[in-house]
C-alpha atoms as a PDB file:
ATOM      1  CA  MET A   1      21.968  56.097  51.050  1.00  0.00           C
ATOM      2  CA  THR A   2      25.284  56.263  49.213  1.00  0.00           C
ATOM      3  CA  VAL A   3      27.145  53.640  47.238  1.00  0.00           C
ATOM      4  CA  ASN A   4      30.410  54.372  49.083  1.00  0.00           C
ATOM      5  CA  SER A   5      28.922  53.179  52.386  1.00  0.00           C
ATOM      6  CA  ARG A   6      29.132  49.615  51.041  1.00  0.00           C
ATOM      7  CA  ILE A   7      31.843  47.067  51.604  1.00  0.00           C
ATOM      8  CA  PRO A   8      34.297  47.238  48.668  1.00  0.00           C
ATOM      9  CA  PRO A   9      33.776  44.597  45.958  1.00  0.00           C
ATOM     10  CA  ILE A  10      35.666  41.373  46.660  1.00  0.00           C
ATOM     11  CA  GLN A  11      37.507  41.737  43.329  1.00  0.00           C
ATOM     12  CA  CYS A  12      38.968  45.026  44.544  1.00  0.00           C
ATOM     13  CA  LEU A  13      40.134  43.424  47.785  1.00  0.00           C
ATOM     14  CA  LEU A  14      41.703  40.446  46.000  1.00  0.00           C
ATOM     15  CA  THR A  15      43.459  42.785  43.571  1.00  0.00           C
ATOM     16  CA  PHE A  16      44.746  44.985  46.385  1.00  0.00           C
ATOM     17  CA  GLU A  17      46.138  41.980  48.251  1.00  0.00           C
ATOM     18  CA  ALA A  18      47.806  40.573  45.136  1.00  0.00           C
ATOM     19  CA  LEU A  19      49.413  43.885  44.163  1.00  0.00           C
ATOM     20  CA  ALA A  20      50.617  44.509  47.724  1.00  0.00           C
ATOM     21  CA  ARG A  21      52.176  41.053  47.778  1.00  0.00           C
ATOM     22  CA  LEU A  22      53.664  40.964  44.271  1.00  0.00           C
ATOM     23  CA  ARG A  23      54.427  44.691  43.801  1.00  0.00           C
ATOM     24  CA  SER A  24      53.869  44.280  40.079  1.00  0.00           C
ATOM     25  CA  VAL A  25      50.771  45.179  38.066  1.00  0.00           C
ATOM     26  CA  SER A  26      51.611  42.673  35.338  1.00  0.00           C
ATOM     27  CA  GLN A  27      52.197  39.828  37.816  1.00  0.00           C
ATOM     28  CA  ALA A  28      49.014  40.644  39.716  1.00  0.00           C
ATOM     29  CA  ALA A  29      47.076  40.734  36.431  1.00  0.00           C
ATOM     30  CA  GLU A  30      48.494  37.357  35.430  1.00  0.00           C
ATOM     31  CA  GLU A  31      47.622  35.801  38.790  1.00  0.00           C
ATOM     32  CA  LEU A  32      44.074  37.149  38.708  1.00  0.00           C
ATOM     33  CA  CYS A  33      43.561  36.422  34.987  1.00  0.00           C
ATOM     34  CA  VAL A  34      42.654  40.025  34.182  1.00  0.00           C
ATOM     35  CA  THR A  35      44.277  42.846  32.219  1.00  0.00           C
ATOM     36  CA  PRO A  36      46.804  45.242  33.806  1.00  0.00           C
ATOM     37  CA  SER A  37      44.326  48.074  33.288  1.00  0.00           C
ATOM     38  CA  ALA A  38      41.767  46.098  35.318  1.00  0.00           C
ATOM     39  CA  VAL A  39      44.259  45.868  38.188  1.00  0.00           C
ATOM     40  CA  SER A  40      44.868  49.618  38.111  1.00  0.00           C
ATOM     41  CA  HIS A  41      41.162  50.398  37.925  1.00  0.00           C
ATOM     42  CA  ARG A  42      40.212  48.108  40.821  1.00  0.00           C
ATOM     43  CA  VAL A  43      42.891  49.594  43.072  1.00  0.00           C
ATOM     44  CA  LYS A  44      41.751  53.113  42.152  1.00  0.00           C
ATOM     45  CA  GLN A  45      38.139  52.157  42.880  1.00  0.00           C
ATOM     46  CA  LEU A  46      39.129  50.692  46.260  1.00  0.00           C
ATOM     47  CA  GLU A  47      41.021  53.862  47.181  1.00  0.00           C
ATOM     48  CA  GLN A  48      38.006  55.983  46.244  1.00  0.00           C
ATOM     49  CA  ILE A  49      35.643  53.825  48.297  1.00  0.00           C
ATOM     50  CA  ILE A  50      37.934  53.756  51.346  1.00  0.00           C
ATOM     51  CA  GLY A  51      38.901  57.395  50.919  1.00  0.00           C
ATOM     52  CA  THR A  52      42.668  57.034  51.249  1.00  0.00           C
ATOM     53  CA  LYS A  53      45.737  56.131  49.216  1.00  0.00           C
ATOM     54  CA  MET A  54      46.935  52.540  49.607  1.00  0.00           C
ATOM     55  CA  PHE A  55      50.147  52.803  47.597  1.00  0.00           C
ATOM     56  CA  GLY A  56      52.543  55.687  47.977  1.00  0.00           C
ATOM     57  CA  ARG A  57      55.223  55.147  45.339  1.00  0.00           C
ATOM     58  CA  THR A  58      55.833  53.734  41.876  1.00  0.00           C
ATOM     59  CA  ASP A  59      57.352  50.612  43.471  1.00  0.00           C
ATOM     60  CA  PHE A  60      53.930  49.896  45.024  1.00  0.00           C
ATOM     61  CA  SER A  61      55.108  50.281  48.603  1.00  0.00           C
ATOM     62  CA  LEU A  62      52.176  50.633  50.961  1.00  0.00           C
ATOM     63  CA  THR A  63      51.216  53.745  52.872  1.00  0.00           C
ATOM     64  CA  SER A  64      50.698  53.414  56.617  1.00  0.00           C
ATOM     65  CA  GLU A  65      46.951  53.247  55.972  1.00  0.00           C
ATOM     66  CA  GLY A  66      47.566  50.628  53.288  1.00  0.00           C
ATOM     67  CA  ILE A  67      49.614  48.482  55.662  1.00  0.00           C
ATOM     68  CA  GLU A  68      46.878  48.584  58.289  1.00  0.00           C
ATOM     69  CA  TYR A  69      44.116  47.900  55.756  1.00  0.00           C
ATOM     70  CA  LEU A  70      46.058  45.014  54.214  1.00  0.00           C
ATOM     71  CA  SER A  71      46.121  43.200  57.541  1.00  0.00           C
ATOM     72  CA  HIS A  72      42.330  43.428  57.784  1.00  0.00           C
ATOM     73  CA  VAL A  73      41.876  42.319  54.178  1.00  0.00           C
ATOM     74  CA  ARG A  74      44.095  39.278  54.633  1.00  0.00           C
ATOM     75  CA  GLU A  75      42.339  38.378  57.866  1.00  0.00           C
ATOM     76  CA  GLY A  76      38.997  38.538  56.091  1.00  0.00           C
ATOM     77  CA  LEU A  77      40.195  36.500  53.123  1.00  0.00           C
ATOM     78  CA  VAL A  78      41.596  33.818  55.411  1.00  0.00           C
ATOM     79  CA  SER A  79      38.250  33.633  57.196  1.00  0.00           C
ATOM     80  CA  LEU A  80      36.430  33.179  53.901  1.00  0.00           C
ATOM     81  CA  GLN A  81      38.824  30.439  52.815  1.00  0.00           C
ATOM     82  CA  ARG A  82      37.869  28.390  55.866  1.00  0.00           C
ATOM     83  CA  PHE A  83      34.395  27.909  54.393  1.00  0.00           C
ATOM     84  CA  PRO A  84      34.834  26.749  50.789  1.00  0.00           C
ATOM     85  CA  LEU A  85      31.779  26.171  48.639  1.00  0.00           C
ATOM     86  CA  THR A  86      32.016  22.536  47.492  1.00  0.00           C
ATOM     87  CA  GLY A  87      30.786  21.760  44.021  1.00  0.00           C
ATOM     88  CA  ALA A  88      30.041  25.389  43.222  1.00  0.00           C
ATOM     89  CA  THR A  89      31.290  27.049  40.040  1.00  0.00           C
ATOM     90  CA  PRO A  90      31.298  30.827  39.812  1.00  0.00           C
ATOM     91  CA  GLY A  91      28.789  32.026  37.250  1.00  0.00           C
ATOM     92  CA  ARG A  92      28.610  35.218  35.263  1.00  0.00           C
ATOM     93  CA  ARG A  93      26.739  38.125  36.757  1.00  0.00           C
ATOM     94  CA  LYS A  94      23.867  39.689  34.834  1.00  0.00           C
ATOM     95  CA  LEU A  95      23.125  43.403  35.018  1.00  0.00           C
ATOM     96  CA  ARG A  96      20.264  45.188  33.281  1.00  0.00           C
ATOM     97  CA  LEU A  97      20.698  48.898  32.583  1.00  0.00           C
ATOM     98  CA  ALA A  98      18.204  51.404  31.202  1.00  0.00           C
ATOM     99  CA  VAL A  99      19.730  54.629  29.895  1.00  0.00           C
ATOM    100  CA  PRO A 100      18.610  57.530  27.680  1.00  0.00           C
ATOM    101  CA  PRO A 101      19.892  57.055  24.120  1.00  0.00           C
ATOM    102  CA  THR A 102      22.101  60.156  23.873  1.00  0.00           C
ATOM    103  CA  PHE A 103      23.577  59.579  27.342  1.00  0.00           C
ATOM    104  CA  SER A 104      24.507  56.095  26.177  1.00  0.00           C
ATOM    105  CA  ARG A 105      25.984  57.339  22.901  1.00  0.00           C
ATOM    106  CA  ALA A 106      27.956  60.305  24.223  1.00  0.00           C
ATOM    107  CA  ILE A 107      28.749  59.406  27.848  1.00  0.00           C
ATOM    108  CA  LEU A 108      28.483  55.686  28.559  1.00  0.00           C
ATOM    109  CA  MET A 109      29.645  53.941  25.382  1.00  0.00           C
ATOM    110  CA  PRO A 110      33.034  55.696  25.123  1.00  0.00           C
ATOM    111  CA  ARG A 111      33.828  54.441  28.656  1.00  0.00           C
ATOM    112  CA  LEU A 112      32.131  51.038  28.726  1.00  0.00           C
ATOM    113  CA  LYS A 113      35.131  49.133  27.353  1.00  0.00           C
ATOM    114  CA  HIS A 114      37.070  50.033  30.507  1.00  0.00           C
ATOM    115  CA  PHE A 115      34.306  48.523  32.647  1.00  0.00           C
ATOM    116  CA  PHE A 116      34.337  45.252  30.700  1.00  0.00           C
ATOM    117  CA  GLU A 117      38.132  45.094  31.014  1.00  0.00           C
ATOM    118  CA  ALA A 118      37.928  45.602  34.769  1.00  0.00           C
ATOM    119  CA  TYR A 119      34.928  43.315  35.362  1.00  0.00           C
ATOM    120  CA  PRO A 120      34.793  40.649  32.618  1.00  0.00           C
ATOM    121  CA  GLU A 121      32.514  38.479  34.767  1.00  0.00           C
ATOM    122  CA  ILE A 122      29.593  40.914  34.411  1.00  0.00           C
ATOM    123  CA  ASP A 123      27.304  40.727  31.362  1.00  0.00           C
ATOM    124  CA  ILE A 124      25.304  43.880  30.678  1.00  0.00           C
ATOM    125  CA  THR A 125      21.929  44.131  28.983  1.00  0.00           C
ATOM    126  CA  LEU A 126      21.479  47.717  27.798  1.00  0.00           C
ATOM    127  CA  GLN A 127      17.969  49.070  27.300  1.00  0.00           C
ATOM    128  CA  VAL A 128      16.771  52.434  26.053  1.00  0.00           C
ATOM    129  CA  SER A 129      14.758  54.703  28.339  1.00  0.00           C
ATOM    130  CA  ILE A 130      12.936  57.901  27.418  1.00  0.00           C
ATOM    131  CA  PRO A 131      14.172  60.918  29.415  1.00  0.00           C
ATOM    132  CA  LEU A 132      11.710  62.575  31.818  1.00  0.00           C
ATOM    133  CA  LEU A 133       9.019  59.985  31.009  1.00  0.00           C
ATOM    134  CA  ASP A 134      11.095  57.148  32.539  1.00  0.00           C
ATOM    135  CA  VAL A 135       9.821  54.637  29.991  1.00  0.00           C
ATOM    136  CA  VAL A 136      11.952  51.478  29.646  1.00  0.00           C
ATOM    137  CA  ALA A 137      11.529  48.411  27.462  1.00  0.00           C
ATOM    138  CA  GLU A 138      11.438  46.087  30.473  1.00  0.00           C
ATOM    139  CA  ASP A 139      12.430  46.005  34.107  1.00  0.00           C
ATOM    140  CA  ALA A 140      15.988  47.204  34.799  1.00  0.00           C
ATOM    141  CA  ASP A 141      18.324  46.845  37.776  1.00  0.00           C
ATOM    142  CA  LEU A 142      19.773  50.334  37.356  1.00  0.00           C
ATOM    143  CA  THR A 143      18.260  53.263  35.477  1.00  0.00           C
ATOM    144  CA  VAL A 144      19.724  56.587  34.401  1.00  0.00           C
ATOM    145  CA  ARG A 145      17.118  59.317  34.669  1.00  0.00           C
ATOM    146  CA  PHE A 146      17.298  62.920  33.524  1.00  0.00           C
ATOM    147  CA  GLY A 147      15.399  65.404  35.638  1.00  0.00           C
ATOM    148  CA  THR A 148      15.262  67.337  38.890  1.00  0.00           C
ATOM    149  CA  GLY A 149      16.392  64.494  41.164  1.00  0.00           C
ATOM    150  CA  ARG A 150      13.176  64.465  43.164  1.00  0.00           C
ATOM    151  CA  TYR A 151      12.376  60.754  42.884  1.00  0.00           C
ATOM    152  CA  ALA A 152      10.284  59.360  45.719  1.00  0.00           C
ATOM    153  CA  ASP A 153       9.931  55.894  44.189  1.00  0.00           C
ATOM    154  CA  VAL A 154      13.642  55.022  43.986  1.00  0.00           C
ATOM    155  CA  GLU A 155      16.986  55.653  45.653  1.00  0.00           C
ATOM    156  CA  HIS A 156      19.381  57.667  43.525  1.00  0.00           C
ATOM    157  CA  THR A 157      22.673  59.501  43.219  1.00  0.00           C
ATOM    158  CA  CYS A 158      23.628  62.374  40.912  1.00  0.00           C
ATOM    159  CA  LEU A 159      25.936  61.338  38.055  1.00  0.00           C
ATOM    160  CA  ILE A 160      26.615  64.500  36.061  1.00  0.00           C
ATOM    161  CA  LYS A 161      25.392  68.044  35.800  1.00  0.00           C
ATOM    162  CA  ASP A 162      25.734  69.922  32.543  1.00  0.00           C
ATOM    163  CA  GLU A 163      25.551  73.342  30.927  1.00  0.00           C
ATOM    164  CA  VAL A 164      23.562  74.394  27.888  1.00  0.00           C
ATOM    165  CA  THR A 165      24.570  76.625  25.021  1.00  0.00           C
ATOM    166  CA  LEU A 166      23.435  77.357  21.483  1.00  0.00           C
ATOM    167  CA  MET A 167      24.750  75.192  18.648  1.00  0.00           C
ATOM    168  CA  ALA A 168      24.203  74.882  14.923  1.00  0.00           C
ATOM    169  CA  SER A 169      25.977  73.552  11.861  1.00  0.00           C
ATOM    170  CA  PRO A 170      28.978  75.583  10.612  1.00  0.00           C
ATOM    171  CA  SER A 171      27.237  76.326   7.305  1.00  0.00           C
ATOM    172  CA  TRP A 172      24.072  77.494   9.109  1.00  0.00           C
ATOM    173  CA  VAL A 173      26.133  79.846  11.288  1.00  0.00           C
ATOM    174  CA  ARG A 174      27.905  81.290   8.241  1.00  0.00           C
ATOM    175  CA  GLU A 175      24.599  81.872   6.452  1.00  0.00           C
ATOM    176  CA  ASN A 176      22.729  83.386   9.417  1.00  0.00           C
ATOM    177  CA  GLY A 177      25.475  85.010  11.520  1.00  0.00           C
ATOM    178  CA  PRO A 178      27.268  86.773  12.948  1.00  0.00           C
ATOM    179  CA  PHE A 179      25.926  86.221  16.470  1.00  0.00           C
ATOM    180  CA  ASN A 180      26.976  88.853  18.960  1.00  0.00           C
ATOM    181  CA  SER A 181      23.866  89.254  21.132  1.00  0.00           C
ATOM    182  CA  PRO A 182      20.607  87.368  21.838  1.00  0.00           C
ATOM    183  CA  GLU A 183      18.737  89.755  19.544  1.00  0.00           C
ATOM    184  CA  ASP A 184      20.540  88.184  16.579  1.00  0.00           C
ATOM    185  CA  LEU A 185      18.266  85.149  17.002  1.00  0.00           C
ATOM    186  CA  ASP A 186      15.121  87.121  16.158  1.00  0.00           C
ATOM    187  CA  GLY A 187      13.198  85.428  13.358  1.00  0.00           C
ATOM    188  CA  LEU A 188      15.485  82.394  13.148  1.00  0.00           C
ATOM    189  CA  PRO A 189      14.246  78.791  13.603  1.00  0.00           C
ATOM    190  CA  LEU A 190      14.706  77.639  17.227  1.00  0.00           C
ATOM    191  CA  LEU A 191      14.687  73.865  17.618  1.00  0.00           C
ATOM    192  CA  ARG A 192      12.616  72.831  20.631  1.00  0.00           C
ATOM    193  CA  SER A 193      12.668  70.005  23.204  1.00  0.00           C
ATOM    194  CA  PRO A 194      10.726  69.367  26.425  1.00  0.00           C
ATOM    195  CA  LEU A 195      14.052  68.181  27.869  1.00  0.00           C
ATOM    196  CA  GLU A 196      15.647  71.623  27.665  1.00  0.00           C
ATOM    197  CA  PRO A 197      13.238  74.611  27.684  1.00  0.00           C
ATOM    198  CA  TRP A 198      14.530  77.805  26.089  1.00  0.00           C
ATOM    199  CA  ARG A 199      13.432  79.865  29.113  1.00  0.00           C
ATOM    200  CA  THR A 200      16.627  78.754  30.902  1.00  0.00           C
ATOM    201  CA  TRP A 201      18.777  80.464  28.269  1.00  0.00           C
ATOM    202  CA  PHE A 202      16.439  83.434  27.845  1.00  0.00           C
ATOM    203  CA  ALA A 203      16.403  84.225  31.595  1.00  0.00           C
ATOM    204  CA  ALA A 204      20.190  83.949  31.882  1.00  0.00           C
ATOM    205  CA  HIS A 205      20.519  86.547  29.097  1.00  0.00           C
ATOM    206  CA  ASP A 206      17.893  88.892  30.601  1.00  0.00           C
ATOM    207  CA  GLN A 207      15.369  88.234  27.865  1.00  0.00           C
ATOM    208  CA  ASP A 208      11.647  88.043  28.676  1.00  0.00           C
ATOM    209  CA  TRP A 209      10.826  86.167  25.484  1.00  0.00           C
ATOM    210  CA  PRO A 210       8.133  83.470  25.766  1.00  0.00           C
ATOM    211  CA  GLU A 211       8.899  79.801  25.294  1.00  0.00           C
ATOM    212  CA  PRO A 212       8.763  78.994  21.545  1.00  0.00           C
ATOM    213  CA  THR A 213       5.574  77.181  20.547  1.00  0.00           C
ATOM    214  CA  GLU A 214       6.264  76.742  16.835  1.00  0.00           C
ATOM    215  CA  GLY A 215       8.930  74.850  14.960  1.00  0.00           C
ATOM    216  CA  SER A 216      10.343  71.340  15.109  1.00  0.00           C
ATOM    217  CA  SER A 217      10.457  69.574  18.483  1.00  0.00           C
ATOM    218  CA  PHE A 218      12.498  66.566  19.644  1.00  0.00           C
ATOM    219  CA  ASN A 219      12.199  64.355  22.760  1.00  0.00           C
ATOM    220  CA  ASP A 220      15.822  63.188  22.489  1.00  0.00           C
ATOM    221  CA  MET A 221      18.883  65.425  22.595  1.00  0.00           C
ATOM    222  CA  GLY A 222      20.692  63.273  20.039  1.00  0.00           C
ATOM    223  CA  LEU A 223      17.891  63.914  17.552  1.00  0.00           C
ATOM    224  CA  MET A 224      18.164  67.610  18.380  1.00  0.00           C
ATOM    225  CA  CYS A 225      21.909  67.529  17.632  1.00  0.00           C
ATOM    226  CA  ASP A 226      21.308  65.624  14.392  1.00  0.00           C
ATOM    227  CA  ALA A 227      18.688  68.162  13.305  1.00  0.00           C
ATOM    228  CA  ALA A 228      20.936  71.105  14.104  1.00  0.00           C
ATOM    229  CA  SER A 229      23.886  69.485  12.306  1.00  0.00           C
ATOM    230  CA  GLN A 230      21.697  69.162   9.190  1.00  0.00           C
ATOM    231  CA  GLY A 231      21.071  72.907   9.133  1.00  0.00           C
ATOM    232  CA  LEU A 232      17.468  72.833  10.375  1.00  0.00           C
ATOM    233  CA  GLY A 233      18.029  75.616  12.906  1.00  0.00           C
ATOM    234  CA  VAL A 234      19.716  76.411  16.190  1.00  0.00           C
ATOM    235  CA  GLY A 235      19.461  74.056  19.160  1.00  0.00           C
ATOM    236  CA  LEU A 236      19.807  74.639  22.885  1.00  0.00           C
ATOM    237  CA  VAL A 237      22.144  71.744  23.615  1.00  0.00           C
ATOM    238  CA  ARG A 238      24.030  70.334  26.594  1.00  0.00           C
ATOM    239  CA  LEU A 239      27.828  70.526  26.254  1.00  0.00           C
ATOM    240  CA  LYS A 240      28.681  67.048  27.537  1.00  0.00           C
ATOM    241  CA  LEU A 241      25.971  65.292  25.566  1.00  0.00           C
ATOM    242  CA  ALA A 242      26.897  67.178  22.405  1.00  0.00           C
ATOM    243  CA  SER A 243      30.604  66.323  22.626  1.00  0.00           C
ATOM    244  CA  PRO A 244      30.530  63.800  19.703  1.00  0.00           C
ATOM    245  CA  TRP A 245      29.010  66.415  17.385  1.00  0.00           C
ATOM    246  CA  LEU A 246      31.338  69.166  18.593  1.00  0.00           C
ATOM    247  CA  GLU A 247      34.473  67.042  18.300  1.00  0.00           C
ATOM    248  CA  SER A 248      33.534  65.925  14.785  1.00  0.00           C
ATOM    249  CA  GLY A 249      32.828  69.511  13.696  1.00  0.00           C
ATOM    250  CA  GLN A 250      29.185  68.819  12.852  1.00  0.00           C
ATOM    251  CA  LEU A 251      28.128  71.463  15.377  1.00  0.00           C
ATOM    252  CA  VAL A 252      29.690  74.722  16.525  1.00  0.00           C
ATOM    253  CA  ARG A 253      28.791  77.093  19.325  1.00  0.00           C
ATOM    254  CA  LEU A 254      27.085  80.392  18.532  1.00  0.00           C
ATOM    255  CA  TYR A 255      28.169  82.084  21.770  1.00  0.00           C
ATOM    256  CA  ALA A 256      31.020  81.480  24.209  1.00  0.00           C
ATOM    257  CA  ARG A 257      28.741  81.660  27.245  1.00  0.00           C
ATOM    258  CA  SER A 258      27.025  78.560  28.604  1.00  0.00           C
ATOM    259  CA  VAL A 259      24.260  78.326  31.217  1.00  0.00           C
ATOM    260  CA  PRO A 260      23.783  75.666  33.950  1.00  0.00           C
ATOM    261  CA  SER A 261      20.957  73.286  33.087  1.00  0.00           C
ATOM    262  CA  PRO A 262      18.233  73.006  35.760  1.00  0.00           C
ATOM    263  CA  HIS A 263      18.276  69.217  35.294  1.00  0.00           C
ATOM    264  CA  ALA A 264      20.920  66.516  35.698  1.00  0.00           C
ATOM    265  CA  HIS A 265      21.465  62.799  35.105  1.00  0.00           C
ATOM    266  CA  TYR A 266      20.826  60.503  38.071  1.00  0.00           C
ATOM    267  CA  LEU A 267      21.510  56.824  38.624  1.00  0.00           C
ATOM    268  CA  CYS A 268      18.425  55.244  40.188  1.00  0.00           C
ATOM    269  CA  TRP A 269      17.655  51.883  41.781  1.00  0.00           C
ATOM    270  CA  ARG A 270      15.022  50.185  43.913  1.00  0.00           C
ATOM    271  CA  ALA A 271      15.643  49.559  47.608  1.00  0.00           C
ATOM    272  CA  GLY A 272      17.858  46.522  48.073  1.00  0.00           C
ATOM    273  CA  ALA A 273      19.416  46.566  44.597  1.00  0.00           C
ATOM    274  CA  MET A 274      22.801  47.642  45.950  1.00  0.00           C
ATOM    275  CA  GLU A 275      22.975  44.446  47.988  1.00  0.00           C
ATOM    276  CA  ARG A 276      23.871  42.776  44.692  1.00  0.00           C
ATOM    277  CA  TRP A 277      27.586  42.973  43.987  1.00  0.00           C
ATOM    278  CA  GLU A 278      27.188  43.720  40.269  1.00  0.00           C
ATOM    279  CA  CYS A 279      24.877  46.677  40.944  1.00  0.00           C
ATOM    280  CA  ALA A 280      27.124  48.230  43.584  1.00  0.00           C
ATOM    281  CA  THR A 281      30.209  47.623  41.431  1.00  0.00           C
ATOM    282  CA  PHE A 282      28.754  49.262  38.332  1.00  0.00           C
ATOM    283  CA  ALA A 283      27.407  52.211  40.316  1.00  0.00           C
ATOM    284  CA  ALA A 284      30.795  52.831  41.940  1.00  0.00           C
ATOM    285  CA  TRP A 285      32.577  52.451  38.594  1.00  0.00           C
ATOM    286  CA  LEU A 286      30.248  54.852  36.765  1.00  0.00           C
ATOM    287  CA  LYS A 287      30.546  57.519  39.446  1.00  0.00           C
ATOM    288  CA  SER A 288      34.333  57.164  39.308  1.00  0.00           C
ATOM    289  CA  ALA A 289      34.432  57.258  35.494  1.00  0.00           C
ATOM    290  CA  LEU A 290      32.410  60.475  35.332  1.00  0.00           C
ATOM    291  CA  ASN A 291      34.306  62.362  38.049  1.00  0.00           C
END
């Protein structure tokens, strides 16, 4: 089952119709009571779901596919308007997410503002999950898991794959380097984690070394990055998750080469969850934001 097989969110359809009619992002935003960036995001999301461009030029003229789709959208909206809900007031949507802490810190949080701008009617409750163990504080509508993707208990879609490489603090590298070959690691402290076994890196560099059994171990990649940035040793770290530490200069790479991780991050949900508009909308947005 894929998210893109769903009917586009009604907000995307309303935004598309308004922009096609007004040919102005600012006017459409004003009519819909959203920000201009929300208008642009909803149109982009609609185009990704449908799989075709709706607008062909900067003056927001429609493509031939956009013209045809607009007629169907307007027909559907007119049909819905024939059956108004009397006495009903639209309420805010509630969405519960469970995500690993470092995924939230490095991947989700830097992008979440754009989601709130595009969908201000959705309130999110964010919970922490433990990678691989799939432990969450309480029941969640959507869960980000890190693993092999073989989940029989839930439906899921892959969010991001990553590569691993060796990182340490700049001062640690200066004191213990230079690093030109894997043999330069001999006798140095290797930080460990069940989330990212060293055998992946060893095998890619034709080393038959056993998995380290001594030294500090961490069940969260953010803790691993913090430990490495404090000069406690060298960590085998994922590039995308480590971006905040790399960009701030707290960590540097020991080698230019990186190795594909055998695991990835997956968005998971129980059967029927995607029937809820807020779940399908967030799933489509997150996939779009990460690709």
